[in-house]
Amino acid sequence: MNPKLKIFNMVISTEVCHHDVTQDTLTEFHSWLKTVFFEANCELIKISEMAVKKTNQEETVFWGRILAGEAFITNKGRKKINEKEAYLHLIASSHIFYTIIK
């Protein structure tokens, strides 16, 4: 949903969250979660930045917040998500991996 993205660009998440789940649903029912965001490993982000720089891919790789969910996004809902300056993707795997690692 970010207008900067083009076909075949890559987004590496710095954090991910559900766009269709309220904060209290996640943080109250999952006591180990302090926020709705699942933060990426800082070391892995640094490694990805070095790899992108080494391969001269700065124009095609982006880092940022990824929002995901199961709700269908209409044009009306698109504006609200775009205001969060985020990318959309499926979050289920991120939630699972975060839970396993923690």
C-alpha atoms as a PDB file:
ATOM      1  CA  MET A   1       0.000   0.000   0.000  1.00  0.00           C
ATOM      2  CA  ASN A   2       3.037   2.235   0.196  1.00  0.00           C
ATOM      3  CA  PRO A   3       3.162   4.173  -3.093  1.00  0.00           C
ATOM      4  CA  LYS A   4       6.986   3.996  -3.145  1.00  0.00           C
ATOM      5  CA  LEU A   5       6.888   0.248  -3.762  1.00  0.00           C
ATOM      6  CA  LYS A   6       7.180  -1.187  -7.240  1.00  0.00           C
ATOM      7  CA  ILE A   7       6.794  -4.705  -8.565  1.00  0.00           C
ATOM      8  CA  PHE A   8       9.652  -6.956  -7.378  1.00  0.00           C
ATOM      9  CA  ASN A   9      10.688  -4.599  -4.560  1.00  0.00           C
ATOM     10  CA  MET A  10      11.363  -6.211  -1.198  1.00  0.00           C
ATOM     11  CA  VAL A  11      10.197  -5.071   2.231  1.00  0.00           C
ATOM     12  CA  ILE A  12      12.099  -6.198   5.310  1.00  0.00           C
ATOM     13  CA  SER A  13      10.088  -5.715   8.463  1.00  0.00           C
ATOM     14  CA  THR A  14      11.409  -3.753  11.396  1.00  0.00           C
ATOM     15  CA  GLU A  15       8.184  -4.562  13.216  1.00  0.00           C
ATOM     16  CA  VAL A  16       4.871  -6.189  12.350  1.00  0.00           C
ATOM     17  CA  CYS A  17       1.371  -5.995  13.792  1.00  0.00           C
ATOM     18  CA  HIS A  18      -2.233  -6.930  13.090  1.00  0.00           C
ATOM     19  CA  HIS A  19      -4.239  -4.105  11.544  1.00  0.00           C
ATOM     20  CA  ASP A  20      -7.503  -5.759  12.464  1.00  0.00           C
ATOM     21  CA  VAL A  21      -6.939  -6.755  16.112  1.00  0.00           C
ATOM     22  CA  THR A  22      -7.338  -4.302  18.978  1.00  0.00           C
ATOM     23  CA  GLN A  23      -4.359  -3.670  21.228  1.00  0.00           C
ATOM     24  CA  ASP A  24      -6.080  -4.959  24.352  1.00  0.00           C
ATOM     25  CA  THR A  25      -6.954  -8.238  22.633  1.00  0.00           C
ATOM     26  CA  LEU A  26      -3.271  -8.982  22.157  1.00  0.00           C
ATOM     27  CA  THR A  27      -1.770  -7.504  25.299  1.00  0.00           C
ATOM     28  CA  GLU A  28      -4.410  -8.613  27.810  1.00  0.00           C
ATOM     29  CA  PHE A  29      -4.744 -12.178  26.565  1.00  0.00           C
ATOM     30  CA  HIS A  30      -1.015 -12.605  25.928  1.00  0.00           C
ATOM     31  CA  SER A  31       0.694 -11.261  29.032  1.00  0.00           C
ATOM     32  CA  TRP A  32       4.177 -11.452  27.499  1.00  0.00           C
ATOM     33  CA  LEU A  33       3.177  -8.928  24.830  1.00  0.00           C
ATOM     34  CA  LYS A  34       3.674  -5.343  25.977  1.00  0.00           C
ATOM     35  CA  THR A  35       2.536  -3.866  22.655  1.00  0.00           C
ATOM     36  CA  VAL A  36       0.786  -4.954  19.458  1.00  0.00           C
ATOM     37  CA  PHE A  37       4.077  -4.773  17.569  1.00  0.00           C
ATOM     38  CA  PHE A  38       6.356  -7.755  17.083  1.00  0.00           C
ATOM     39  CA  GLU A  39       9.808  -6.199  16.761  1.00  0.00           C
ATOM     40  CA  ALA A  40      12.447  -7.616  14.451  1.00  0.00           C
ATOM     41  CA  ASN A  41      15.818  -8.759  15.733  1.00  0.00           C
ATOM     42  CA  CYS A  42      18.190  -5.762  15.550  1.00  0.00           C
ATOM     43  CA  GLU A  43      21.149  -7.917  14.535  1.00  0.00           C
ATOM     44  CA  LEU A  44      19.216  -9.399  11.617  1.00  0.00           C
ATOM     45  CA  ILE A  45      18.215  -5.914  10.485  1.00  0.00           C
ATOM     46  CA  LYS A  46      21.883  -4.837  10.535  1.00  0.00           C
ATOM     47  CA  ILE A  47      22.885  -7.927   8.546  1.00  0.00           C
ATOM     48  CA  SER A  48      20.162  -7.243   5.977  1.00  0.00           C
ATOM     49  CA  GLU A  49      21.312  -3.622   5.634  1.00  0.00           C
ATOM     50  CA  MET A  50      24.905  -4.730   5.021  1.00  0.00           C
ATOM     51  CA  ALA A  51      23.780  -7.314   2.456  1.00  0.00           C
ATOM     52  CA  VAL A  52      21.659  -4.782   0.584  1.00  0.00           C
ATOM     53  CA  LYS A  53      24.494  -2.262   0.523  1.00  0.00           C
ATOM     54  CA  LYS A  54      27.006  -4.912  -0.598  1.00  0.00           C
ATOM     55  CA  THR A  55      24.776  -5.978  -3.502  1.00  0.00           C
ATOM     56  CA  ASN A  56      23.805  -2.416  -4.503  1.00  0.00           C
ATOM     57  CA  GLN A  57      20.083  -3.027  -3.990  1.00  0.00           C
ATOM     58  CA  GLU A  58      19.299   0.183  -2.087  1.00  0.00           C
ATOM     59  CA  GLU A  59      16.725   1.239  -4.697  1.00  0.00           C
ATOM     60  CA  THR A  60      14.678  -1.966  -4.440  1.00  0.00           C
ATOM     61  CA  VAL A  61      14.748  -2.879  -0.741  1.00  0.00           C
ATOM     62  CA  PHE A  62      12.791  -1.077   1.959  1.00  0.00           C
ATOM     63  CA  TRP A  63      12.653  -1.472   5.740  1.00  0.00           C
ATOM     64  CA  GLY A  64       9.609  -0.600   7.773  1.00  0.00           C
ATOM     65  CA  ARG A  65       6.517  -1.523   9.713  1.00  0.00           C
ATOM     66  CA  ILE A  66       4.353  -4.231   8.192  1.00  0.00           C
ATOM     67  CA  LEU A  67       0.662  -4.392   9.032  1.00  0.00           C
ATOM     68  CA  ALA A  68      -1.257  -7.541   8.340  1.00  0.00           C
ATOM     69  CA  GLY A  69      -4.574  -9.155   9.029  1.00  0.00           C
ATOM     70  CA  GLU A  70      -7.467 -11.155   7.754  1.00  0.00           C
ATOM     71  CA  ALA A  71      -9.919  -8.307   7.154  1.00  0.00           C
ATOM     72  CA  PHE A  72     -10.397  -7.271   3.533  1.00  0.00           C
ATOM     73  CA  ILE A  73      -9.166  -3.730   2.913  1.00  0.00           C
ATOM     74  CA  THR A  74     -11.547  -1.482   0.994  1.00  0.00           C
ATOM     75  CA  ASN A  75     -10.628   1.870  -0.499  1.00  0.00           C
ATOM     76  CA  LYS A  76     -12.175   3.477   2.583  1.00  0.00           C
ATOM     77  CA  GLY A  77      -9.940   1.455   4.927  1.00  0.00           C
ATOM     78  CA  ARG A  78      -6.860   2.048   2.795  1.00  0.00           C
ATOM     79  CA  LYS A  79      -6.515   5.672   3.944  1.00  0.00           C
ATOM     80  CA  LYS A  80      -6.436   4.670   7.618  1.00  0.00           C
ATOM     81  CA  ILE A  81      -3.703   2.110   6.984  1.00  0.00           C
ATOM     82  CA  ASN A  82      -1.694   4.448   4.758  1.00  0.00           C
ATOM     83  CA  GLU A  83      -1.640   6.972   7.617  1.00  0.00           C
ATOM     84  CA  LYS A  84       0.358   4.430   9.631  1.00  0.00           C
ATOM     85  CA  GLU A  85       3.070   4.453   6.949  1.00  0.00           C
ATOM     86  CA  ALA A  86       3.138   0.703   6.812  1.00  0.00           C
ATOM     87  CA  TYR A  87       3.274  -2.159   4.366  1.00  0.00           C
ATOM     88  CA  LEU A  88       0.665  -4.924   4.293  1.00  0.00           C
ATOM     89  CA  HIS A  89       1.498  -8.594   4.538  1.00  0.00           C
ATOM     90  CA  LEU A  90       0.320 -11.729   6.298  1.00  0.00           C
ATOM     91  CA  ILE A  91       1.193 -11.680   9.987  1.00  0.00           C
ATOM     92  CA  ALA A  92       0.367 -15.178  11.171  1.00  0.00           C
ATOM     93  CA  SER A  93       3.900 -16.489  10.683  1.00  0.00           C
ATOM     94  CA  SER A  94       5.423 -13.476  12.459  1.00  0.00           C
ATOM     95  CA  HIS A  95       3.123 -13.968  15.444  1.00  0.00           C
ATOM     96  CA  ILE A  96       3.983 -17.673  15.627  1.00  0.00           C
ATOM     97  CA  PHE A  97       7.738 -17.148  15.366  1.00  0.00           C
ATOM     98  CA  TYR A  98       7.672 -14.344  17.926  1.00  0.00           C
ATOM     99  CA  THR A  99       5.757 -16.552  20.355  1.00  0.00           C
ATOM    100  CA  ILE A 100       8.139 -19.483  19.850  1.00  0.00           C
ATOM    101  CA  ILE A 101      11.257 -17.357  20.326  1.00  0.00           C
ATOM    102  CA  LYS A 102       9.955 -15.584  23.436  1.00  0.00           C
END
